[in-house]
Amino acid sequence: MSASSSAREVLDPSVQELFADDPAGYAELSAIFVRSTAQRMAELEDACSHGASERIAEIAHALASSAESLGARRLGLACRTLERDPASGSAQLEQVRTELTAVTRRLPAAD
């Protein structure tokens, strides 16, 4: 798979392949991600509404790391962009929401 086609994937299949012998482990990791992300998104939205740049960057960093661990590269990139430029606020937050929705629809925990 080329880098460009991988970038278009919501979830990088190579990360899922790491769990080929343990689909229950991937489902558990996915469930943890979904639960923790809901709380972080609420915190991120609150920080954005208050223009709390440091807090926005901190939460976006945590979200990016979690997303990347599951192979959600586009979500990770959207979070890293917000982390680097917290002033981008609501426009970038909308991109994070869009990518998060796409990811959660494809995770085993969403079934």
N, C-alpha and C. Protein backbone atom coordinates (compact mmCIF):
# COMPACT_ATOMS: atom_id res chain seq x y z
N MET A 1 0.86 -1.18 0.00
CA MET A 1 0.00 0.00 0.00
C MET A 1 0.90 1.23 0.00
N SER A 2 0.62 2.16 -0.84
CA SER A 2 1.43 3.38 -0.93
C SER A 2 1.09 4.31 0.22
N ALA A 3 1.98 5.26 0.47
CA ALA A 3 1.75 6.22 1.55
C ALA A 3 0.49 7.03 1.30
N SER A 4 0.23 7.39 0.04
CA SER A 4 -0.95 8.20 -0.24
C SER A 4 -2.23 7.42 -0.03
N SER A 5 -2.26 6.14 -0.40
CA SER A 5 -3.48 5.37 -0.16
C SER A 5 -3.64 5.09 1.32
N SER A 6 -2.54 4.92 2.05
CA SER A 6 -2.60 4.72 3.49
C SER A 6 -3.16 5.96 4.17
N ALA A 7 -2.78 7.13 3.69
CA ALA A 7 -3.26 8.38 4.28
C ALA A 7 -4.77 8.53 4.10
N ARG A 8 -5.33 7.92 3.06
CA ARG A 8 -6.77 8.02 2.81
C ARG A 8 -7.56 7.07 3.70
N GLU A 9 -6.92 6.05 4.23
CA GLU A 9 -7.59 5.09 5.10
C GLU A 9 -7.97 5.75 6.42
N VAL A 10 -9.15 5.46 6.89
CA VAL A 10 -9.57 5.97 8.20
C VAL A 10 -8.75 5.28 9.28
N LEU A 11 -8.59 3.97 9.15
CA LEU A 11 -7.76 3.18 10.06
C LEU A 11 -6.70 2.45 9.24
N ASP A 12 -5.46 2.62 9.62
CA ASP A 12 -4.35 1.98 8.93
C ASP A 12 -4.45 0.46 9.14
N PRO A 13 -4.65 -0.29 8.05
CA PRO A 13 -4.81 -1.74 8.19
C PRO A 13 -3.58 -2.42 8.79
N SER A 14 -2.41 -1.84 8.63
CA SER A 14 -1.21 -2.47 9.18
C SER A 14 -1.24 -2.50 10.71
N VAL A 15 -1.90 -1.53 11.33
CA VAL A 15 -2.02 -1.54 12.79
C VAL A 15 -3.01 -2.63 13.19
N GLN A 16 -4.10 -2.75 12.47
CA GLN A 16 -5.07 -3.80 12.77
C GLN A 16 -4.45 -5.18 12.58
N GLU A 17 -3.57 -5.32 11.61
CA GLU A 17 -2.91 -6.60 11.37
C GLU A 17 -2.05 -7.03 12.54
N LEU A 18 -1.54 -6.08 13.31
CA LEU A 18 -0.76 -6.41 14.50
C LEU A 18 -1.59 -7.20 15.50
N PHE A 19 -2.90 -7.05 15.43
CA PHE A 19 -3.82 -7.73 16.34
C PHE A 19 -4.51 -8.92 15.69
N ALA A 20 -3.98 -9.39 14.58
CA ALA A 20 -4.63 -10.48 13.84
C ALA A 20 -4.87 -11.70 14.72
N ASP A 21 -3.95 -11.99 15.63
CA ASP A 21 -4.10 -13.14 16.51
C ASP A 21 -4.85 -12.81 17.80
N ASP A 22 -5.24 -11.55 17.95
CA ASP A 22 -5.92 -11.12 19.17
C ASP A 22 -6.99 -10.08 18.87
N PRO A 23 -8.01 -10.45 18.11
CA PRO A 23 -9.06 -9.47 17.78
C PRO A 23 -9.77 -8.94 19.03
N ALA A 24 -9.85 -9.76 20.08
CA ALA A 24 -10.48 -9.28 21.32
C ALA A 24 -9.64 -8.18 21.94
N GLY A 25 -8.33 -8.28 21.83
CA GLY A 25 -7.44 -7.25 22.34
C GLY A 25 -7.63 -5.93 21.60
N TYR A 26 -7.79 -6.02 20.28
CA TYR A 26 -8.03 -4.81 19.48
C TYR A 26 -9.39 -4.21 19.83
N ALA A 27 -10.37 -5.06 20.03
CA ALA A 27 -11.71 -4.58 20.41
C ALA A 27 -11.66 -3.89 21.78
N GLU A 28 -10.89 -4.45 22.70
CA GLU A 28 -10.76 -3.84 24.03
C GLU A 28 -10.04 -2.49 23.93
N LEU A 29 -8.96 -2.45 23.18
CA LEU A 29 -8.24 -1.19 22.97
C LEU A 29 -9.16 -0.15 22.32
N SER A 30 -9.96 -0.59 21.37
CA SER A 30 -10.90 0.30 20.70
C SER A 30 -11.94 0.85 21.67
N ALA A 31 -12.45 -0.02 22.54
CA ALA A 31 -13.46 0.41 23.52
C ALA A 31 -12.87 1.44 24.49
N ILE A 32 -11.65 1.21 24.92
CA ILE A 32 -10.98 2.17 25.80
C ILE A 32 -10.82 3.51 25.09
N PHE A 33 -10.42 3.44 23.82
CA PHE A 33 -10.25 4.66 23.02
C PHE A 33 -11.57 5.44 22.95
N VAL A 34 -12.64 4.76 22.64
CA VAL A 34 -13.95 5.42 22.50
C VAL A 34 -14.36 6.08 23.81
N ARG A 35 -14.20 5.36 24.92
CA ARG A 35 -14.58 5.92 26.23
C ARG A 35 -13.73 7.14 26.59
N SER A 36 -12.43 7.01 26.46
CA SER A 36 -11.55 8.11 26.87
C SER A 36 -11.66 9.30 25.93
N THR A 37 -11.91 9.04 24.67
CA THR A 37 -12.01 10.12 23.70
C THR A 37 -13.25 10.97 23.92
N ALA A 38 -14.32 10.36 24.35
CA ALA A 38 -15.55 11.14 24.62
C ALA A 38 -15.26 12.20 25.68
N GLN A 39 -14.57 11.82 26.74
CA GLN A 39 -14.22 12.77 27.80
C GLN A 39 -13.26 13.84 27.28
N ARG A 40 -12.26 13.42 26.54
CA ARG A 40 -11.28 14.37 26.02
C ARG A 40 -11.91 15.36 25.04
N MET A 41 -12.83 14.88 24.23
CA MET A 41 -13.50 15.79 23.29
C MET A 41 -14.32 16.84 24.04
N ALA A 42 -14.98 16.43 25.10
CA ALA A 42 -15.74 17.40 25.90
C ALA A 42 -14.80 18.45 26.49
N GLU A 43 -13.65 18.00 26.98
CA GLU A 43 -12.66 18.92 27.53
C GLU A 43 -12.10 19.84 26.44
N LEU A 44 -11.86 19.26 25.26
CA LEU A 44 -11.33 20.04 24.14
C LEU A 44 -12.32 21.11 23.69
N GLU A 45 -13.58 20.75 23.59
CA GLU A 45 -14.60 21.72 23.20
C GLU A 45 -14.70 22.85 24.22
N ASP A 46 -14.61 22.51 25.50
CA ASP A 46 -14.64 23.52 26.55
C ASP A 46 -13.43 24.44 26.44
N ALA A 47 -12.25 23.85 26.25
CA ALA A 47 -11.03 24.66 26.12
C ALA A 47 -11.11 25.58 24.90
N CYS A 48 -11.64 25.07 23.79
CA CYS A 48 -11.79 25.91 22.59
C CYS A 48 -12.77 27.05 22.83
N SER A 49 -13.84 26.77 23.53
CA SER A 49 -14.84 27.82 23.77
C SER A 49 -14.30 28.92 24.68
N HIS A 50 -13.28 28.59 25.46
CA HIS A 50 -12.66 29.58 26.35
C HIS A 50 -11.34 30.12 25.80
N GLY A 51 -10.95 29.67 24.63
CA GLY A 51 -9.69 30.14 24.04
C GLY A 51 -8.46 29.78 24.85
N ALA A 52 -8.52 28.65 25.54
CA ALA A 52 -7.43 28.21 26.41
C ALA A 52 -6.38 27.45 25.59
N SER A 53 -5.50 28.21 24.95
CA SER A 53 -4.55 27.64 23.99
C SER A 53 -3.67 26.53 24.57
N GLU A 54 -3.14 26.73 25.77
CA GLU A 54 -2.29 25.69 26.36
C GLU A 54 -3.06 24.40 26.57
N ARG A 55 -4.25 24.53 27.08
CA ARG A 55 -5.10 23.35 27.34
C ARG A 55 -5.51 22.69 26.03
N ILE A 56 -5.82 23.47 25.02
CA ILE A 56 -6.16 22.93 23.70
C ILE A 56 -5.01 22.08 23.18
N ALA A 57 -3.80 22.63 23.24
CA ALA A 57 -2.62 21.91 22.75
C ALA A 57 -2.39 20.62 23.54
N GLU A 58 -2.57 20.69 24.85
CA GLU A 58 -2.36 19.51 25.71
C GLU A 58 -3.35 18.39 25.37
N ILE A 59 -4.61 18.74 25.25
CA ILE A 59 -5.64 17.73 24.95
C ILE A 59 -5.47 17.20 23.53
N ALA A 60 -5.19 18.09 22.59
CA ALA A 60 -4.99 17.66 21.20
C ALA A 60 -3.81 16.69 21.11
N HIS A 61 -2.77 16.93 21.88
CA HIS A 61 -1.61 16.04 21.90
C HIS A 61 -2.01 14.65 22.38
N ALA A 62 -2.76 14.60 23.48
CA ALA A 62 -3.21 13.32 24.03
C ALA A 62 -4.11 12.58 23.04
N LEU A 63 -5.03 13.31 22.41
CA LEU A 63 -5.91 12.69 21.41
C LEU A 63 -5.12 12.15 20.22
N ALA A 64 -4.15 12.91 19.77
CA ALA A 64 -3.33 12.49 18.63
C ALA A 64 -2.60 11.20 18.96
N SER A 65 -2.00 11.13 20.13
CA SER A 65 -1.27 9.93 20.53
C SER A 65 -2.18 8.71 20.58
N SER A 66 -3.35 8.88 21.15
CA SER A 66 -4.31 7.76 21.23
C SER A 66 -4.75 7.32 19.84
N ALA A 67 -5.06 8.28 19.00
CA ALA A 67 -5.51 7.98 17.64
C ALA A 67 -4.43 7.24 16.86
N GLU A 68 -3.21 7.73 16.95
CA GLU A 68 -2.11 7.11 16.21
C GLU A 68 -1.84 5.69 16.68
N SER A 69 -2.07 5.41 17.97
CA SER A 69 -1.84 4.05 18.48
C SER A 69 -2.82 3.05 17.88
N LEU A 70 -3.98 3.53 17.44
CA LEU A 70 -4.98 2.66 16.80
C LEU A 70 -4.85 2.65 15.28
N GLY A 71 -3.96 3.47 14.76
CA GLY A 71 -3.81 3.56 13.30
C GLY A 71 -4.73 4.57 12.66
N ALA A 72 -5.31 5.46 13.47
CA ALA A 72 -6.20 6.51 12.95
C ALA A 72 -5.34 7.71 12.57
N ARG A 73 -4.63 7.57 11.46
CA ARG A 73 -3.63 8.55 11.05
C ARG A 73 -4.24 9.93 10.73
N ARG A 74 -5.37 9.93 10.01
CA ARG A 74 -5.99 11.23 9.66
C ARG A 74 -6.47 11.96 10.91
N LEU A 75 -7.05 11.22 11.85
CA LEU A 75 -7.47 11.83 13.11
C LEU A 75 -6.25 12.35 13.86
N GLY A 76 -5.19 11.55 13.88
CA GLY A 76 -3.96 11.99 14.53
C GLY A 76 -3.43 13.27 13.91
N LEU A 77 -3.45 13.33 12.59
CA LEU A 77 -2.97 14.52 11.89
C LEU A 77 -3.83 15.75 12.21
N ALA A 78 -5.14 15.57 12.24
CA ALA A 78 -6.04 16.68 12.58
C ALA A 78 -5.76 17.18 14.00
N CYS A 79 -5.51 16.26 14.91
CA CYS A 79 -5.20 16.64 16.29
C CYS A 79 -3.84 17.32 16.39
N ARG A 80 -2.86 16.81 15.64
CA ARG A 80 -1.52 17.43 15.66
C ARG A 80 -1.58 18.85 15.10
N THR A 81 -2.41 19.06 14.09
CA THR A 81 -2.56 20.41 13.53
C THR A 81 -3.13 21.34 14.58
N LEU A 82 -4.14 20.88 15.32
CA LEU A 82 -4.73 21.69 16.39
C LEU A 82 -3.72 21.91 17.51
N GLU A 83 -2.93 20.89 17.80
CA GLU A 83 -1.91 21.01 18.84
C GLU A 83 -0.89 22.11 18.48
N ARG A 84 -0.45 22.12 17.22
CA ARG A 84 0.54 23.10 16.77
C ARG A 84 -0.04 24.51 16.65
N ASP A 85 -1.34 24.58 16.35
CA ASP A 85 -1.98 25.89 16.15
C ASP A 85 -3.31 25.94 16.89
N PRO A 86 -3.25 26.03 18.22
CA PRO A 86 -4.49 26.03 19.00
C PRO A 86 -5.42 27.18 18.65
N ALA A 87 -4.87 28.24 18.07
CA ALA A 87 -5.70 29.39 17.69
C ALA A 87 -6.61 29.07 16.51
N SER A 88 -6.34 27.95 15.81
CA SER A 88 -7.21 27.57 14.69
C SER A 88 -8.59 27.18 15.18
N GLY A 89 -8.68 26.89 16.48
CA GLY A 89 -9.94 26.70 17.18
C GLY A 89 -11.03 25.92 16.50
N SER A 90 -12.18 26.56 16.33
CA SER A 90 -13.38 25.85 15.90
C SER A 90 -13.26 25.22 14.52
N ALA A 91 -12.55 25.84 13.60
CA ALA A 91 -12.41 25.25 12.27
C ALA A 91 -11.67 23.92 12.34
N GLN A 92 -10.58 23.88 13.08
CA GLN A 92 -9.82 22.63 13.20
C GLN A 92 -10.53 21.65 14.11
N LEU A 93 -11.22 22.14 15.11
CA LEU A 93 -12.00 21.27 15.98
C LEU A 93 -13.05 20.51 15.16
N GLU A 94 -13.66 21.17 14.20
CA GLU A 94 -14.64 20.51 13.33
C GLU A 94 -14.00 19.37 12.54
N GLN A 95 -12.77 19.58 12.08
CA GLN A 95 -12.05 18.51 11.36
C GLN A 95 -11.77 17.35 12.30
N VAL A 96 -11.39 17.63 13.53
CA VAL A 96 -11.16 16.57 14.52
C VAL A 96 -12.46 15.79 14.74
N ARG A 97 -13.57 16.49 14.90
CA ARG A 97 -14.87 15.82 15.09
C ARG A 97 -15.20 14.92 13.90
N THR A 98 -15.00 15.43 12.70
CA THR A 98 -15.31 14.67 11.48
C THR A 98 -14.48 13.39 11.43
N GLU A 99 -13.20 13.52 11.67
CA GLU A 99 -12.32 12.34 11.64
C GLU A 99 -12.65 11.37 12.76
N LEU A 100 -12.95 11.89 13.95
CA LEU A 100 -13.30 11.03 15.07
C LEU A 100 -14.56 10.22 14.77
N THR A 101 -15.53 10.86 14.17
CA THR A 101 -16.76 10.15 13.80
C THR A 101 -16.46 9.02 12.83
N ALA A 102 -15.63 9.30 11.84
CA ALA A 102 -15.26 8.26 10.86
C ALA A 102 -14.54 7.10 11.54
N VAL A 103 -13.67 7.41 12.48
CA VAL A 103 -12.91 6.36 13.18
C VAL A 103 -13.83 5.52 14.04
N THR A 104 -14.65 6.16 14.86
CA THR A 104 -15.49 5.39 15.78
C THR A 104 -16.49 4.49 15.04
N ARG A 105 -16.89 4.89 13.86
CA ARG A 105 -17.80 4.05 13.06
C ARG A 105 -17.12 2.78 12.56
N ARG A 106 -15.80 2.79 12.51
CA ARG A 106 -15.08 1.64 11.97
C ARG A 106 -14.41 0.77 13.02
N LEU A 107 -14.49 1.18 14.27
CA LEU A 107 -13.87 0.40 15.34
C LEU A 107 -14.79 -0.71 15.80
N PRO A 108 -14.21 -1.82 16.24
CA PRO A 108 -15.04 -2.91 16.77
C PRO A 108 -15.92 -2.47 17.93
N ALA A 109 -15.48 -1.51 18.72
CA ALA A 109 -16.26 -1.04 19.87
C ALA A 109 -17.53 -0.35 19.42
N ALA A 110 -17.57 0.11 18.17
CA ALA A 110 -18.74 0.82 17.67
C ALA A 110 -19.82 -0.14 17.18
N ASP A 111 -19.51 -1.41 17.11
CA ASP A 111 -20.48 -2.40 16.62
C ASP A 111 -21.58 -2.66 17.62
